[in-house]
Amino acid sequence: MNNQSQAALATIAAFLVLFSAMIDPRASVVLALVGLLSFSVYKLLWAPR
């Protein structure tokens, strides 16, 4: 995954968290944590170095 696609995914995730915060703040927190954890696991385990 190159930097441009990582930036696009981060932007999509940020908008998703932002809009879900308007509906349910708890769901927004859960969504943000799941996204952050999955991205960090990807970067640590599967991203080429």
PDB file of N, CA and C in Angstrom:
ATOM      1  N   MET A   1       0.851  -1.166   0.000  1.00  0.00           N
ATOM      2  CA  MET A   1       0.000   0.000   0.000  1.00  0.00           C
ATOM      3  C   MET A   1       0.902   1.236   0.000  1.00  0.00           C
ATOM      4  N   ASN A   2       0.674   2.137  -0.939  1.00  0.00           N
ATOM      5  CA  ASN A   2       1.513   3.329  -1.013  1.00  0.00           C
ATOM      6  C   ASN A   2       0.958   4.445  -0.124  1.00  0.00           C
ATOM      7  N   ASN A   3       1.698   5.531  -0.048  1.00  0.00           N
ATOM      8  CA  ASN A   3       1.314   6.633   0.843  1.00  0.00           C
ATOM      9  C   ASN A   3      -0.008   7.278   0.441  1.00  0.00           C
ATOM     10  N   GLN A   4      -0.275   7.346  -0.854  1.00  0.00           N
ATOM     11  CA  GLN A   4      -1.512   7.979  -1.309  1.00  0.00           C
ATOM     12  C   GLN A   4      -2.733   7.162  -0.893  1.00  0.00           C
ATOM     13  N   SER A   5      -2.661   5.858  -1.010  1.00  0.00           N
ATOM     14  CA  SER A   5      -3.803   5.038  -0.607  1.00  0.00           C
ATOM     15  C   SER A   5      -3.956   5.011   0.912  1.00  0.00           C
ATOM     16  N   GLN A   6      -2.848   5.081   1.637  1.00  0.00           N
ATOM     17  CA  GLN A   6      -2.942   5.167   3.097  1.00  0.00           C
ATOM     18  C   GLN A   6      -3.594   6.466   3.528  1.00  0.00           C
ATOM     19  N   ALA A   7      -3.250   7.546   2.854  1.00  0.00           N
ATOM     20  CA  ALA A   7      -3.863   8.837   3.169  1.00  0.00           C
ATOM     21  C   ALA A   7      -5.354   8.829   2.842  1.00  0.00           C
ATOM     22  N   ALA A   8      -5.725   8.202   1.750  1.00  0.00           N
ATOM     23  CA  ALA A   8      -7.145   8.121   1.375  1.00  0.00           C
ATOM     24  C   ALA A   8      -7.921   7.299   2.397  1.00  0.00           C
ATOM     25  N   LEU A   9      -7.374   6.175   2.829  1.00  0.00           N
ATOM     26  CA  LEU A   9      -8.050   5.358   3.837  1.00  0.00           C
ATOM     27  C   LEU A   9      -8.161   6.097   5.169  1.00  0.00           C
ATOM     28  N   ALA A  10      -7.131   6.827   5.536  1.00  0.00           N
ATOM     29  CA  ALA A  10      -7.178   7.591   6.784  1.00  0.00           C
ATOM     30  C   ALA A  10      -8.237   8.689   6.715  1.00  0.00           C
ATOM     31  N   THR A  11      -8.364   9.322   5.563  1.00  0.00           N
ATOM     32  CA  THR A  11      -9.372  10.365   5.396  1.00  0.00           C
ATOM     33  C   THR A  11     -10.778   9.787   5.449  1.00  0.00           C
ATOM     34  N   ILE A  12     -10.983   8.658   4.793  1.00  0.00           N
ATOM     35  CA  ILE A  12     -12.295   8.005   4.823  1.00  0.00           C
ATOM     36  C   ILE A  12     -12.653   7.590   6.245  1.00  0.00           C
ATOM     37  N   ALA A  13     -11.669   7.041   6.957  1.00  0.00           N
ATOM     38  CA  ALA A  13     -11.921   6.627   8.339  1.00  0.00           C
ATOM     39  C   ALA A  13     -12.248   7.832   9.218  1.00  0.00           C
ATOM     40  N   ALA A  14     -11.556   8.943   9.008  1.00  0.00           N
ATOM     41  CA  ALA A  14     -11.818  10.141   9.804  1.00  0.00           C
ATOM     42  C   ALA A  14     -13.233  10.667   9.559  1.00  0.00           C
ATOM     43  N   PHE A  15     -13.667  10.690   8.305  1.00  0.00           N
ATOM     44  CA  PHE A  15     -15.029  11.141   8.011  1.00  0.00           C
ATOM     45  C   PHE A  15     -16.070  10.182   8.572  1.00  0.00           C
ATOM     46  N   LEU A  16     -15.784   8.885   8.517  1.00  0.00           N
ATOM     47  CA  LEU A  16     -16.707   7.906   9.063  1.00  0.00           C
ATOM     48  C   LEU A  16     -16.871   8.090  10.567  1.00  0.00           C
ATOM     49  N   VAL A  17     -15.775   8.313  11.271  1.00  0.00           N
ATOM     50  CA  VAL A  17     -15.838   8.548  12.712  1.00  0.00           C
ATOM     51  C   VAL A  17     -16.556   9.861  13.010  1.00  0.00           C
ATOM     52  N   LEU A  18     -16.272  10.879  12.217  1.00  0.00           N
ATOM     53  CA  LEU A  18     -16.911  12.182  12.422  1.00  0.00           C
ATOM     54  C   LEU A  18     -18.425  12.102  12.266  1.00  0.00           C
ATOM     55  N   PHE A  19     -18.882  11.441  11.219  1.00  0.00           N
ATOM     56  CA  PHE A  19     -20.322  11.349  10.988  1.00  0.00           C
ATOM     57  C   PHE A  19     -21.010  10.394  11.961  1.00  0.00           C
ATOM     58  N   SER A  20     -20.297   9.348  12.379  1.00  0.00           N
ATOM     59  CA  SER A  20     -20.911   8.440  13.348  1.00  0.00           C
ATOM     60  C   SER A  20     -20.994   9.084  14.730  1.00  0.00           C
ATOM     61  N   ALA A  21     -20.146  10.062  15.003  1.00  0.00           N
ATOM     62  CA  ALA A  21     -20.212  10.773  16.285  1.00  0.00           C
ATOM     63  C   ALA A  21     -21.505  11.574  16.396  1.00  0.00           C
ATOM     64  N   MET A  22     -22.032  12.014  15.267  1.00  0.00           N
ATOM     65  CA  MET A  22     -23.286  12.761  15.301  1.00  0.00           C
ATOM     66  C   MET A  22     -24.464  11.847  15.623  1.00  0.00           C
ATOM     67  N   ILE A  23     -24.340  10.571  15.288  1.00  0.00           N
ATOM     68  CA  ILE A  23     -25.431   9.623  15.522  1.00  0.00           C
ATOM     69  C   ILE A  23     -25.330   9.012  16.914  1.00  0.00           C
ATOM     70  N   ASP A  24     -24.163   8.448  17.235  1.00  0.00           N
ATOM     71  CA  ASP A  24     -23.976   7.783  18.519  1.00  0.00           C
ATOM     72  C   ASP A  24     -22.510   7.918  18.941  1.00  0.00           C
ATOM     73  N   PRO A  25     -22.233   8.668  19.979  1.00  0.00           N
ATOM     74  CA  PRO A  25     -20.842   8.880  20.390  1.00  0.00           C
ATOM     75  C   PRO A  25     -20.120   7.600  20.800  1.00  0.00           C
ATOM     76  N   ARG A  26     -20.830   6.681  21.426  1.00  0.00           N
ATOM     77  CA  ARG A  26     -20.181   5.424  21.825  1.00  0.00           C
ATOM     78  C   ARG A  26     -19.763   4.612  20.615  1.00  0.00           C
ATOM     79  N   ALA A  27     -20.621   4.562  19.621  1.00  0.00           N
ATOM     80  CA  ALA A  27     -20.277   3.847  18.395  1.00  0.00           C
ATOM     81  C   ALA A  27     -19.089   4.501  17.699  1.00  0.00           C
ATOM     82  N   SER A  28     -18.994   5.806  17.798  1.00  0.00           N
ATOM     83  CA  SER A  28     -17.871   6.520  17.208  1.00  0.00           C
ATOM     84  C   SER A  28     -16.559   6.141  17.884  1.00  0.00           C
ATOM     85  N   VAL A  29     -16.578   6.024  19.197  1.00  0.00           N
ATOM     86  CA  VAL A  29     -15.369   5.640  19.928  1.00  0.00           C
ATOM     87  C   VAL A  29     -14.957   4.220  19.551  1.00  0.00           C
ATOM     88  N   VAL A  30     -15.917   3.326  19.495  1.00  0.00           N
ATOM     89  CA  VAL A  30     -15.620   1.937  19.129  1.00  0.00           C
ATOM     90  C   VAL A  30     -15.074   1.874  17.707  1.00  0.00           C
ATOM     91  N   LEU A  31     -15.686   2.594  16.803  1.00  0.00           N
ATOM     92  CA  LEU A  31     -15.240   2.605  15.417  1.00  0.00           C
ATOM     93  C   LEU A  31     -13.827   3.162  15.292  1.00  0.00           C
ATOM     94  N   ALA A  32     -13.534   4.223  16.025  1.00  0.00           N
ATOM     95  CA  ALA A  32     -12.200   4.815  15.985  1.00  0.00           C
ATOM     96  C   ALA A  32     -11.151   3.850  16.538  1.00  0.00           C
ATOM     97  N   LEU A  33     -11.472   3.177  17.632  1.00  0.00           N
ATOM     98  CA  LEU A  33     -10.518   2.233  18.215  1.00  0.00           C
ATOM     99  C   LEU A  33     -10.278   1.031  17.303  1.00  0.00           C
ATOM    100  N   VAL A  34     -11.325   0.518  16.702  1.00  0.00           N
ATOM    101  CA  VAL A  34     -11.169  -0.623  15.783  1.00  0.00           C
ATOM    102  C   VAL A  34     -10.327  -0.217  14.578  1.00  0.00           C
ATOM    103  N   GLY A  35     -10.585   0.942  14.043  1.00  0.00           N
ATOM    104  CA  GLY A  35      -9.799   1.416  12.908  1.00  0.00           C
ATOM    105  C   GLY A  35      -8.341   1.638  13.255  1.00  0.00           C
ATOM    106  N   LEU A  36      -8.099   2.242  14.402  1.00  0.00           N
ATOM    107  CA  LEU A  36      -6.728   2.498  14.830  1.00  0.00           C
ATOM    108  C   LEU A  36      -5.976   1.205  15.093  1.00  0.00           C
ATOM    109  N   LEU A  37      -6.617   0.277  15.760  1.00  0.00           N
ATOM    110  CA  LEU A  37      -5.963  -1.000  16.048  1.00  0.00           C
ATOM    111  C   LEU A  37      -5.700  -1.810  14.778  1.00  0.00           C
ATOM    112  N   SER A  38      -6.659  -1.842  13.877  1.00  0.00           N
ATOM    113  CA  SER A  38      -6.456  -2.615  12.653  1.00  0.00           C
ATOM    114  C   SER A  38      -5.363  -2.002  11.780  1.00  0.00           C
ATOM    115  N   PHE A  39      -5.306  -0.684  11.709  1.00  0.00           N
ATOM    116  CA  PHE A  39      -4.263  -0.033  10.919  1.00  0.00           C
ATOM    117  C   PHE A  39      -2.891  -0.248  11.542  1.00  0.00           C
ATOM    118  N   SER A  40      -2.802  -0.186  12.867  1.00  0.00           N
ATOM    119  CA  SER A  40      -1.503  -0.390  13.516  1.00  0.00           C
ATOM    120  C   SER A  40      -1.048  -1.841  13.393  1.00  0.00           C
ATOM    121  N   VAL A  41      -1.977  -2.795  13.470  1.00  0.00           N
ATOM    122  CA  VAL A  41      -1.601  -4.195  13.269  1.00  0.00           C
ATOM    123  C   VAL A  41      -1.113  -4.405  11.841  1.00  0.00           C
ATOM    124  N   TYR A  42      -1.780  -3.801  10.890  1.00  0.00           N
ATOM    125  CA  TYR A  42      -1.327  -3.904   9.501  1.00  0.00           C
ATOM    126  C   TYR A  42       0.078  -3.337   9.345  1.00  0.00           C
ATOM    127  N   LYS A  43       0.308  -2.154   9.906  1.00  0.00           N
ATOM    128  CA  LYS A  43       1.611  -1.523   9.765  1.00  0.00           C
ATOM    129  C   LYS A  43       2.708  -2.330  10.451  1.00  0.00           C
ATOM    130  N   LEU A  44       2.392  -2.931  11.589  1.00  0.00           N
ATOM    131  CA  LEU A  44       3.402  -3.683  12.321  1.00  0.00           C
ATOM    132  C   LEU A  44       3.692  -5.049  11.706  1.00  0.00           C
ATOM    133  N   LEU A  45       2.675  -5.730  11.203  1.00  0.00           N
ATOM    134  CA  LEU A  45       2.854  -7.115  10.786  1.00  0.00           C
ATOM    135  C   LEU A  45       2.982  -7.315   9.280  1.00  0.00           C
ATOM    136  N   TRP A  46       2.176  -6.617   8.484  1.00  0.00           N
ATOM    137  CA  TRP A  46       2.123  -6.942   7.071  1.00  0.00           C
ATOM    138  C   TRP A  46       2.694  -5.875   6.146  1.00  0.00           C
ATOM    139  N   ALA A  47       2.992  -4.723   6.640  1.00  0.00           N
ATOM    140  CA  ALA A  47       3.501  -3.665   5.767  1.00  0.00           C
ATOM    141  C   ALA A  47       4.960  -3.960   5.401  1.00  0.00           C
ATOM    142  N   PRO A  48       5.295  -3.794   4.140  1.00  0.00           N
ATOM    143  CA  PRO A  48       6.702  -3.993   3.757  1.00  0.00           C
ATOM    144  C   PRO A  48       7.577  -2.903   4.384  1.00  0.00           C
ATOM    145  N   ARG A  49       8.727  -3.300   4.785  1.00  0.00           N
ATOM    146  CA  ARG A  49       9.625  -2.338   5.449  1.00  0.00           C
ATOM    147  C   ARG A  49      10.626  -1.767   4.500  1.00  0.00           C
TER     148      ARG A  49
END
